[in-house]
Structure formats: C-alpha cells, structure tokens
C-alpha cells in the first residue's frame, strides 16, 4: 500500500504466470539429475553460508535475500532428507508420490493467495471485509518468522542426512578425514569471500559471480577427491543455481532496495 513502492508491486504482479510451472518443471528435472553426493555438498555449503550470514547481521549484512537464494539448496536438502528417511521403506515410491502431491497442493494454495493479495489486498485491507486480507494485516508480520523456523528445521534434517550420505561411501576413518579436511578448508574460504562480496556490492552481477565461484570451488575439490559422475553433477547444479537466481530477480531487487 506504500505509494513509493508501487513500481515494485507492478513489477512483481507483471511476472508471466506461465513461467511459474516452467520453473518448477526445470528445477524438478535438475534435482532429479543431481546425485545425492553433490546435493549433500550443496546443502552443507548453504547451511554454513546461512549461519555465517546470521552471525554477521550486526556488521551490515542483510539476511532477507537468504529466503530467495536458498531455493536450489532447499531442493537439494529435501532430496537428501527424503533419500535418507525413506531408504528401505516398503512403499518408498508411494511415499514420494504423496510428498509430491502435498507439495503441489501447498503450491496451488500459495499461488491463489499470491494472486489474491496482488489484486485485492490494498482494497480489502482498507474495507476490512475480507477474512484472508484481515488475517494478513493482523498476523502478516509473523510469516517471516514462521518461514525461518520451517527452513531451519528442514536444513537441520537435510544436514544430518547429507553427512550420513557422504560418510557411507568411505570404508575407513582415514578416507573420511582426507575428504572432510579439504572440504572444510574450501567451504571456509568460500564463505569468507562471499561475505566480503555481499558487504561491498549489491546487484545480480555479484550474485552470479559467487555462484560461479562456489561451483568452481566444488568442481576443483571433486577433481581431487570425487568421482567423474560428481563432476558432471556439479555442472547440473550450476544450471540449477543460475535458473533459480534468474527467476528470483524481481524479488531480489526489492530486497536490495529495502
């Protein structure tokens, strides 16, 4: 309802509706191609980055864009979590189909709510006769907290599943140490670099560079301690990250203005 932000409202409402289903299909295909090993590494890297961002809030770092930047990592986290929790289940395929159906139902209702808010919230919040808009007006400030808690719980489960999925490939403790030591050093350096980059500049260009740097670091790491299939999955992950980043452009620009 802020007159100074009408341009942002129009930009969000003007996004083509057909791109939403296309985004879901492309992202689903990418997540189906990515192996569990690379997906687990992506989850761990984002969790470390998110923790570093939260700890840096007092130094000028903003965390609102994490809700948008976590899309691909969240998909990898759900993949790892379901792979770990449903492993050996007697009806694993039916469980996955049920999870996909529930996710689709939730997405459908969220899309309807978004269309309603974009078209009628300004009018209904003044007239006070729409239950949905009155609920958003009264309790809308609690949505980010609910979203943050849901994401935190999802990534906690995904991190535990990711560690287990990676460790099961090692036959001895020595092999695990040879893998985790360079991984920890690489991820620590990446997080330090990305924090400095986010504080110094804003815009889509720096985000694209950080995606390339992150995947490049993972590529170099897996060249030494990974498999050839992992290297192929890194390129698939790069496409998934870039696709999610391009899709979130309008909302990211709104975060930077705030």
C-alpha atoms as a PDB file:
ATOM      1  CA  UNK A   1       0.000   0.000   0.000  1.00  0.00           C
ATOM      2  CA  UNK A   2       3.033   2.310   0.108  1.00  0.00           C
ATOM      3  CA  UNK A   3       2.769   4.769  -2.820  1.00  0.00           C
ATOM      4  CA  UNK A   4       6.564   4.942  -3.092  1.00  0.00           C
ATOM      5  CA  UNK A   5       6.744   1.209  -3.785  1.00  0.00           C
ATOM      6  CA  UNK A   6       4.079   0.919  -6.469  1.00  0.00           C
ATOM      7  CA  UNK A   7       6.753   0.221  -9.091  1.00  0.00           C
ATOM      8  CA  UNK A   8       7.891  -2.850  -7.126  1.00  0.00           C
ATOM      9  CA  UNK A   9       4.303  -4.025  -6.769  1.00  0.00           C
ATOM     10  CA  UNK A  10       3.688  -3.669 -10.511  1.00  0.00           C
ATOM     11  CA  UNK A  11       6.929  -5.475 -11.339  1.00  0.00           C
ATOM     12  CA  UNK A  12       6.022  -8.429  -9.102  1.00  0.00           C
ATOM     13  CA  UNK A  13       2.474  -8.605 -10.467  1.00  0.00           C
ATOM     14  CA  UNK A  14       3.689  -8.354 -14.083  1.00  0.00           C
ATOM     15  CA  UNK A  15       5.678 -11.594 -13.998  1.00  0.00           C
ATOM     16  CA  UNK A  16       4.399 -14.040 -16.582  1.00  0.00           C
ATOM     17  CA  UNK A  17       2.217 -16.714 -14.939  1.00  0.00           C
ATOM     18  CA  UNK A  18       3.370 -19.479 -17.292  1.00  0.00           C
ATOM     19  CA  UNK A  19       6.955 -19.131 -16.077  1.00  0.00           C
ATOM     20  CA  UNK A  20       5.963 -20.493 -12.664  1.00  0.00           C
ATOM     21  CA  UNK A  21       5.077 -24.036 -13.845  1.00  0.00           C
ATOM     22  CA  UNK A  22       8.059 -23.961 -16.226  1.00  0.00           C
ATOM     23  CA  UNK A  23      10.331 -23.034 -13.307  1.00  0.00           C
ATOM     24  CA  UNK A  24       9.009 -25.963 -11.269  1.00  0.00           C
ATOM     25  CA  UNK A  25       9.465 -28.426 -14.159  1.00  0.00           C
ATOM     26  CA  UNK A  26      13.021 -27.322 -14.916  1.00  0.00           C
ATOM     27  CA  UNK A  27      14.007 -27.340 -11.244  1.00  0.00           C
ATOM     28  CA  UNK A  28      12.449 -30.771 -10.747  1.00  0.00           C
ATOM     29  CA  UNK A  29      14.398 -32.122 -13.719  1.00  0.00           C
ATOM     30  CA  UNK A  30      17.659 -30.659 -12.407  1.00  0.00           C
ATOM     31  CA  UNK A  31      17.112 -32.087  -8.916  1.00  0.00           C
ATOM     32  CA  UNK A  32      16.320 -35.494 -10.424  1.00  0.00           C
ATOM     33  CA  UNK A  33      19.637 -35.476 -12.306  1.00  0.00           C
ATOM     34  CA  UNK A  34      21.838 -34.312  -9.431  1.00  0.00           C
ATOM     35  CA  UNK A  35      23.345 -37.147  -7.451  1.00  0.00           C
ATOM     36  CA  UNK A  36      22.929 -37.423  -3.705  1.00  0.00           C
ATOM     37  CA  UNK A  37      26.645 -36.762  -3.088  1.00  0.00           C
ATOM     38  CA  UNK A  38      26.699 -33.356  -4.825  1.00  0.00           C
ATOM     39  CA  UNK A  39      23.274 -32.473  -3.405  1.00  0.00           C
ATOM     40  CA  UNK A  40      24.612 -33.177   0.081  1.00  0.00           C
ATOM     41  CA  UNK A  41      27.622 -30.909  -0.524  1.00  0.00           C
ATOM     42  CA  UNK A  42      25.369 -28.104  -1.775  1.00  0.00           C
ATOM     43  CA  UNK A  43      23.227 -28.399   1.363  1.00  0.00           C
ATOM     44  CA  UNK A  44      26.215 -28.255   3.697  1.00  0.00           C
ATOM     45  CA  UNK A  45      27.683 -25.260   1.859  1.00  0.00           C
ATOM     46  CA  UNK A  46      24.452 -23.275   2.052  1.00  0.00           C
ATOM     47  CA  UNK A  47      23.971 -24.119   5.743  1.00  0.00           C
ATOM     48  CA  UNK A  48      27.452 -22.819   6.519  1.00  0.00           C
ATOM     49  CA  UNK A  49      26.773 -19.698   4.462  1.00  0.00           C
ATOM     50  CA  UNK A  50      23.443 -19.086   6.201  1.00  0.00           C
ATOM     51  CA  UNK A  51      24.985 -19.445   9.658  1.00  0.00           C
ATOM     52  CA  UNK A  52      27.761 -17.037   8.699  1.00  0.00           C
ATOM     53  CA  UNK A  53      25.209 -14.518   7.396  1.00  0.00           C
ATOM     54  CA  UNK A  54      23.119 -14.695  10.575  1.00  0.00           C
ATOM     55  CA  UNK A  55      26.217 -14.226  12.732  1.00  0.00           C
ATOM     56  CA  UNK A  56      27.220 -11.201  10.616  1.00  0.00           C
ATOM     57  CA  UNK A  57      23.904  -9.352  10.984  1.00  0.00           C
ATOM     58  CA  UNK A  58      25.455  -6.760  13.263  1.00  0.00           C
ATOM     59  CA  UNK A  59      28.093  -5.904  10.638  1.00  0.00           C
ATOM     60  CA  UNK A  60      25.752  -4.622   7.956  1.00  0.00           C
ATOM     61  CA  UNK A  61      24.839  -7.936   6.361  1.00  0.00           C
ATOM     62  CA  UNK A  62      21.173  -8.455   5.437  1.00  0.00           C
ATOM     63  CA  UNK A  63      19.543 -11.876   5.676  1.00  0.00           C
ATOM     64  CA  UNK A  64      16.264 -11.241   3.833  1.00  0.00           C
ATOM     65  CA  UNK A  65      17.681 -12.381   0.496  1.00  0.00           C
ATOM     66  CA  UNK A  66      18.554 -15.773   2.023  1.00  0.00           C
ATOM     67  CA  UNK A  67      14.871 -16.677   1.631  1.00  0.00           C
ATOM     68  CA  UNK A  68      15.314 -16.290  -2.137  1.00  0.00           C
ATOM     69  CA  UNK A  69      18.851 -17.631  -2.504  1.00  0.00           C
ATOM     70  CA  UNK A  70      18.053 -20.912  -0.748  1.00  0.00           C
ATOM     71  CA  UNK A  71      15.702 -22.263  -3.435  1.00  0.00           C
ATOM     72  CA  UNK A  72      18.072 -24.692  -5.116  1.00  0.00           C
ATOM     73  CA  UNK A  73      19.787 -25.631  -1.843  1.00  0.00           C
ATOM     74  CA  UNK A  74      16.376 -26.264  -0.298  1.00  0.00           C
ATOM     75  CA  UNK A  75      15.509 -28.586  -3.174  1.00  0.00           C
ATOM     76  CA  UNK A  76      18.770 -30.466  -2.644  1.00  0.00           C
ATOM     77  CA  UNK A  77      18.005 -30.611   1.083  1.00  0.00           C
ATOM     78  CA  UNK A  78      14.579 -32.115   0.526  1.00  0.00           C
ATOM     79  CA  UNK A  79      16.137 -34.632  -1.883  1.00  0.00           C
ATOM     80  CA  UNK A  80      18.755 -35.662   0.683  1.00  0.00           C
ATOM     81  CA  UNK A  81      16.240 -35.791   3.523  1.00  0.00           C
ATOM     82  CA  UNK A  82      13.756 -37.940   1.615  1.00  0.00           C
ATOM     83  CA  UNK A  83      16.518 -40.239   0.333  1.00  0.00           C
ATOM     84  CA  UNK A  84      17.720 -40.812   3.886  1.00  0.00           C
ATOM     85  CA  UNK A  85      14.348 -41.061   5.636  1.00  0.00           C
ATOM     86  CA  UNK A  86      12.690 -43.288   3.013  1.00  0.00           C
ATOM     87  CA  UNK A  87      15.624 -45.577   2.374  1.00  0.00           C
ATOM     88  CA  UNK A  88      14.457 -49.163   2.648  1.00  0.00           C
ATOM     89  CA  UNK A  89      10.811 -48.185   3.157  1.00  0.00           C
ATOM     90  CA  UNK A  90       8.386 -50.833   1.816  1.00  0.00           C
ATOM     91  CA  UNK A  91       6.342 -48.289  -0.159  1.00  0.00           C
ATOM     92  CA  UNK A  92       9.004 -45.735  -0.980  1.00  0.00           C
ATOM     93  CA  UNK A  93       7.581 -44.782  -4.404  1.00  0.00           C
ATOM     94  CA  UNK A  94       4.117 -44.188  -2.949  1.00  0.00           C
ATOM     95  CA  UNK A  95       5.608 -42.105  -0.133  1.00  0.00           C
ATOM     96  CA  UNK A  96       7.457 -39.935  -2.653  1.00  0.00           C
ATOM     97  CA  UNK A  97       4.284 -39.545  -4.716  1.00  0.00           C
ATOM     98  CA  UNK A  98       2.368 -38.500  -1.588  1.00  0.00           C
ATOM     99  CA  UNK A  99       5.053 -35.943  -0.713  1.00  0.00           C
ATOM    100  CA  UNK A 100       4.964 -34.540  -4.250  1.00  0.00           C
ATOM    101  CA  UNK A 101       1.155 -34.344  -4.143  1.00  0.00           C
ATOM    102  CA  UNK A 102       1.155 -32.486  -0.827  1.00  0.00           C
ATOM    103  CA  UNK A 103       3.821 -30.080  -2.109  1.00  0.00           C
ATOM    104  CA  UNK A 104       1.760 -29.433  -5.245  1.00  0.00           C
ATOM    105  CA  UNK A 105      -1.366 -28.777  -3.172  1.00  0.00           C
ATOM    106  CA  UNK A 106       0.521 -26.329  -0.959  1.00  0.00           C
ATOM    107  CA  UNK A 107       1.952 -24.574  -4.030  1.00  0.00           C
ATOM    108  CA  UNK A 108      -1.515 -24.272  -5.576  1.00  0.00           C
ATOM    109  CA  UNK A 109      -2.978 -22.606  -2.489  1.00  0.00           C
ATOM    110  CA  UNK A 110       0.071 -20.334  -2.159  1.00  0.00           C
ATOM    111  CA  UNK A 111      -0.338 -19.265  -5.805  1.00  0.00           C
ATOM    112  CA  UNK A 112      -4.025 -18.459  -5.251  1.00  0.00           C
ATOM    113  CA  UNK A 113      -3.172 -16.446  -2.159  1.00  0.00           C
ATOM    114  CA  UNK A 114      -0.465 -14.538  -4.035  1.00  0.00           C
ATOM    115  CA  UNK A 115      -2.860 -13.640  -6.876  1.00  0.00           C
ATOM    116  CA  UNK A 116      -5.489 -12.523  -4.371  1.00  0.00           C
ATOM    117  CA  UNK A 117      -3.015 -10.343  -2.475  1.00  0.00           C
ATOM    118  CA  UNK A 118      -1.568  -8.723  -5.607  1.00  0.00           C
ATOM    119  CA  UNK A 119      -5.012  -7.865  -6.947  1.00  0.00           C
ATOM    120  CA  UNK A 120      -7.172  -7.087  -3.904  1.00  0.00           C
ATOM    121  CA  UNK A 121      -5.119  -6.648  -0.727  1.00  0.00           C
ATOM    122  CA  UNK A 122      -4.892  -2.865  -0.988  1.00  0.00           C
ATOM    123  CA  UNK A 123      -8.679  -2.559  -1.289  1.00  0.00           C
ATOM    124  CA  UNK A 124      -9.624  -5.266   1.219  1.00  0.00           C
ATOM    125  CA  UNK A 125      -7.187  -4.062   3.891  1.00  0.00           C
ATOM    126  CA  UNK A 126      -8.991  -0.688   3.888  1.00  0.00           C
ATOM    127  CA  UNK A 127     -12.543  -2.033   3.627  1.00  0.00           C
ATOM    128  CA  UNK A 128     -11.948  -4.721   6.304  1.00  0.00           C
ATOM    129  CA  UNK A 129     -14.415  -7.254   4.915  1.00  0.00           C
ATOM    130  CA  UNK A 130     -12.078  -9.996   3.573  1.00  0.00           C
ATOM    131  CA  UNK A 131     -11.025 -12.584   6.124  1.00  0.00           C
ATOM    132  CA  UNK A 132      -7.815 -13.502   4.297  1.00  0.00           C
ATOM    133  CA  UNK A 133      -6.635  -9.902   3.981  1.00  0.00           C
ATOM    134  CA  UNK A 134      -7.603  -9.073   7.571  1.00  0.00           C
ATOM    135  CA  UNK A 135      -5.591 -12.101   8.745  1.00  0.00           C
ATOM    136  CA  UNK A 136      -2.585 -10.936   6.714  1.00  0.00           C
ATOM    137  CA  UNK A 137      -2.986  -7.408   8.040  1.00  0.00           C
ATOM    138  CA  UNK A 138      -3.109  -8.623  11.645  1.00  0.00           C
ATOM    139  CA  UNK A 139      -0.616 -11.505  11.545  1.00  0.00           C
ATOM    140  CA  UNK A 140       1.448 -10.884   8.418  1.00  0.00           C
ATOM    141  CA  UNK A 141       4.463  -9.836  10.466  1.00  0.00           C
ATOM    142  CA  UNK A 142       4.729 -13.398  11.777  1.00  0.00           C
ATOM    143  CA  UNK A 143       5.078 -15.001   8.331  1.00  0.00           C
ATOM    144  CA  UNK A 144       8.858 -14.411   8.036  1.00  0.00           C
ATOM    145  CA  UNK A 145       9.389 -15.965  11.471  1.00  0.00           C
ATOM    146  CA  UNK A 146       7.288 -19.000  10.515  1.00  0.00           C
ATOM    147  CA  UNK A 147       9.178 -19.326   7.242  1.00  0.00           C
ATOM    148  CA  UNK A 148      12.543 -19.026   9.003  1.00  0.00           C
ATOM    149  CA  UNK A 149      11.654 -21.750  11.510  1.00  0.00           C
ATOM    150  CA  UNK A 150      10.415 -24.077   8.770  1.00  0.00           C
ATOM    151  CA  UNK A 151      13.580 -23.553   6.735  1.00  0.00           C
ATOM    152  CA  UNK A 152      15.785 -24.063   9.801  1.00  0.00           C
ATOM    153  CA  UNK A 153      14.070 -27.364  10.626  1.00  0.00           C
ATOM    154  CA  UNK A 154      14.312 -28.530   7.011  1.00  0.00           C
ATOM    155  CA  UNK A 155      18.012 -27.749   6.773  1.00  0.00           C
ATOM    156  CA  UNK A 156      18.794 -29.380  10.135  1.00  0.00           C
ATOM    157  CA  UNK A 157      17.283 -32.645   8.864  1.00  0.00           C
ATOM    158  CA  UNK A 158      18.982 -32.175   5.482  1.00  0.00           C
ATOM    159  CA  UNK A 159      22.401 -31.562   7.077  1.00  0.00           C
ATOM    160  CA  UNK A 160      22.174 -34.729   9.153  1.00  0.00           C
ATOM    161  CA  UNK A 161      21.098 -36.693   6.086  1.00  0.00           C
ATOM    162  CA  UNK A 162      23.857 -35.109   3.973  1.00  0.00           C
ATOM    163  CA  UNK A 163      26.602 -36.071   6.429  1.00  0.00           C
ATOM    164  CA  UNK A 164      25.290 -39.621   6.585  1.00  0.00           C
ATOM    165  CA  UNK A 165      25.009 -39.922   2.790  1.00  0.00           C
ATOM    166  CA  UNK A 166      28.599 -38.722   2.329  1.00  0.00           C
ATOM    167  CA  UNK A 167      30.137 -40.838   5.101  1.00  0.00           C
ATOM    168  CA  UNK A 168      28.621 -44.077   3.876  1.00  0.00           C
ATOM    169  CA  UNK A 169      30.953 -44.001   0.826  1.00  0.00           C
ATOM    170  CA  UNK A 170      34.092 -44.256   2.996  1.00  0.00           C
ATOM    171  CA  UNK A 171      35.481 -47.583   4.099  1.00  0.00           C
ATOM    172  CA  UNK A 172      37.753 -46.170   6.828  1.00  0.00           C
ATOM    173  CA  UNK A 173      38.218 -43.117   9.021  1.00  0.00           C
ATOM    174  CA  UNK A 174      41.334 -42.145   7.073  1.00  0.00           C
ATOM    175  CA  UNK A 175      39.373 -41.827   3.835  1.00  0.00           C
ATOM    176  CA  UNK A 176      36.774 -39.687   5.569  1.00  0.00           C
ATOM    177  CA  UNK A 177      39.452 -37.377   7.006  1.00  0.00           C
ATOM    178  CA  UNK A 178      41.085 -36.992   3.583  1.00  0.00           C
ATOM    179  CA  UNK A 179      37.721 -35.889   2.198  1.00  0.00           C
ATOM    180  CA  UNK A 180      36.415 -33.673   5.010  1.00  0.00           C
ATOM    181  CA  UNK A 181      39.660 -31.732   5.620  1.00  0.00           C
ATOM    182  CA  UNK A 182      39.934 -30.089   2.162  1.00  0.00           C
ATOM    183  CA  UNK A 183      36.152 -29.724   2.068  1.00  0.00           C
ATOM    184  CA  UNK A 184      36.150 -27.739   5.334  1.00  0.00           C
ATOM    185  CA  UNK A 185      39.011 -25.508   4.189  1.00  0.00           C
ATOM    186  CA  UNK A 186      37.394 -24.897   0.801  1.00  0.00           C
ATOM    187  CA  UNK A 187      33.988 -24.041   2.272  1.00  0.00           C
ATOM    188  CA  UNK A 188      35.506 -21.748   4.913  1.00  0.00           C
ATOM    189  CA  UNK A 189      37.379 -19.757   2.269  1.00  0.00           C
ATOM    190  CA  UNK A 190      34.263 -19.578   0.094  1.00  0.00           C
ATOM    191  CA  UNK A 191      32.126 -18.263   2.949  1.00  0.00           C
ATOM    192  CA  UNK A 192      34.688 -15.581   3.832  1.00  0.00           C
ATOM    193  CA  UNK A 193      34.875 -14.494   0.194  1.00  0.00           C
ATOM    194  CA  UNK A 194      31.103 -14.343  -0.233  1.00  0.00           C
ATOM    195  CA  UNK A 195      30.593 -12.349   2.966  1.00  0.00           C
ATOM    196  CA  UNK A 196      33.067  -9.725   1.802  1.00  0.00           C
ATOM    197  CA  UNK A 197      31.475  -9.661  -1.646  1.00  0.00           C
ATOM    198  CA  UNK A 198      27.960  -9.186  -0.256  1.00  0.00           C
ATOM    199  CA  UNK A 199      29.044  -6.316   2.011  1.00  0.00           C
ATOM    200  CA  UNK A 200      30.889  -4.440  -0.722  1.00  0.00           C
ATOM    201  CA  UNK A 201      28.299  -4.575  -3.515  1.00  0.00           C
ATOM    202  CA  UNK A 202      24.704  -5.424  -4.344  1.00  0.00           C
ATOM    203  CA  UNK A 203      23.126  -6.498  -7.588  1.00  0.00           C
ATOM    204  CA  UNK A 204      22.694  -9.566  -9.722  1.00  0.00           C
ATOM    205  CA  UNK A 205      26.244  -9.457 -11.091  1.00  0.00           C
ATOM    206  CA  UNK A 206      27.994 -10.205  -7.766  1.00  0.00           C
ATOM    207  CA  UNK A 207      25.485 -12.986  -7.051  1.00  0.00           C
ATOM    208  CA  UNK A 208      26.210 -14.603 -10.414  1.00  0.00           C
ATOM    209  CA  UNK A 209      29.924 -14.394  -9.677  1.00  0.00           C
ATOM    210  CA  UNK A 210      29.519 -16.009  -6.268  1.00  0.00           C
ATOM    211  CA  UNK A 211      27.508 -18.869  -7.796  1.00  0.00           C
ATOM    212  CA  UNK A 212      30.272 -19.491 -10.342  1.00  0.00           C
ATOM    213  CA  UNK A 213      32.971 -19.254  -7.638  1.00  0.00           C
ATOM    214  CA  UNK A 214      31.110 -21.654  -5.332  1.00  0.00           C
ATOM    215  CA  UNK A 215      30.547 -24.242  -8.042  1.00  0.00           C
ATOM    216  CA  UNK A 216      34.097 -23.742  -9.297  1.00  0.00           C
ATOM    217  CA  UNK A 217      35.462 -24.455  -5.838  1.00  0.00           C
ATOM    218  CA  UNK A 218      33.285 -27.550  -5.565  1.00  0.00           C
ATOM    219  CA  UNK A 219      34.444 -28.623  -9.043  1.00  0.00           C
ATOM    220  CA  UNK A 220      38.129 -28.329  -8.102  1.00  0.00           C
ATOM    221  CA  UNK A 221      37.535 -30.148  -4.817  1.00  0.00           C
ATOM    222  CA  UNK A 222      35.770 -33.063  -6.514  1.00  0.00           C
ATOM    223  CA  UNK A 223      38.506 -33.292  -9.134  1.00  0.00           C
ATOM    224  CA  UNK A 224      40.819 -34.394  -6.329  1.00  0.00           C
ATOM    225  CA  UNK A 225      38.553 -36.388  -4.011  1.00  0.00           C
ATOM    226  CA  UNK A 226      35.406 -37.077  -6.054  1.00  0.00           C
ATOM    227  CA  UNK A 227      34.214 -39.184  -8.956  1.00  0.00           C
ATOM    228  CA  UNK A 228      33.644 -38.355 -12.595  1.00  0.00           C
ATOM    229  CA  UNK A 229      29.886 -38.508 -12.130  1.00  0.00           C
ATOM    230  CA  UNK A 230      30.186 -35.941  -9.330  1.00  0.00           C
ATOM    231  CA  UNK A 231      31.895 -33.511 -11.719  1.00  0.00           C
ATOM    232  CA  UNK A 232      29.009 -33.866 -14.177  1.00  0.00           C
ATOM    233  CA  UNK A 233      26.540 -33.246 -11.355  1.00  0.00           C
ATOM    234  CA  UNK A 234      28.391 -30.038 -10.434  1.00  0.00           C
ATOM    235  CA  UNK A 235      27.626 -28.628 -13.890  1.00  0.00           C
ATOM    236  CA  UNK A 236      23.978 -29.630 -13.481  1.00  0.00           C
ATOM    237  CA  UNK A 237      23.931 -27.873 -10.102  1.00  0.00           C
ATOM    238  CA  UNK A 238      25.391 -24.749 -11.686  1.00  0.00           C
ATOM    239  CA  UNK A 239      22.482 -24.680 -14.146  1.00  0.00           C
ATOM    240  CA  UNK A 240      20.007 -25.136 -11.296  1.00  0.00           C
ATOM    241  CA  UNK A 241      21.533 -22.327  -9.228  1.00  0.00           C
ATOM    242  CA  UNK A 242      21.572 -19.919 -12.188  1.00  0.00           C
ATOM    243  CA  UNK A 243      17.990 -20.810 -13.112  1.00  0.00           C
ATOM    244  CA  UNK A 244      16.719 -20.101  -9.587  1.00  0.00           C
ATOM    245  CA  UNK A 245      18.730 -16.870  -9.402  1.00  0.00           C
ATOM    246  CA  UNK A 246      17.367 -15.537 -12.689  1.00  0.00           C
ATOM    247  CA  UNK A 247      13.821 -16.451 -11.686  1.00  0.00           C
ATOM    248  CA  UNK A 248      14.156 -14.516  -8.393  1.00  0.00           C
ATOM    249  CA  UNK A 249      15.469 -11.319  -9.984  1.00  0.00           C
ATOM    250  CA  UNK A 250      12.477  -9.059  -9.269  1.00  0.00           C
ATOM    251  CA  UNK A 251      12.214 -10.061  -5.612  1.00  0.00           C
ATOM    252  CA  UNK A 252      15.972  -9.784  -5.092  1.00  0.00           C
ATOM    253  CA  UNK A 253      15.916  -6.225  -6.407  1.00  0.00           C
ATOM    254  CA  UNK A 254      13.125  -5.463  -3.906  1.00  0.00           C
ATOM    255  CA  UNK A 255      15.316  -6.848  -1.084  1.00  0.00           C
ATOM    256  CA  UNK A 256      18.244  -4.657  -2.161  1.00  0.00           C
ATOM    257  CA  UNK A 257      16.043  -1.535  -2.204  1.00  0.00           C
ATOM    258  CA  UNK A 258      14.880  -2.268   1.332  1.00  0.00           C
END
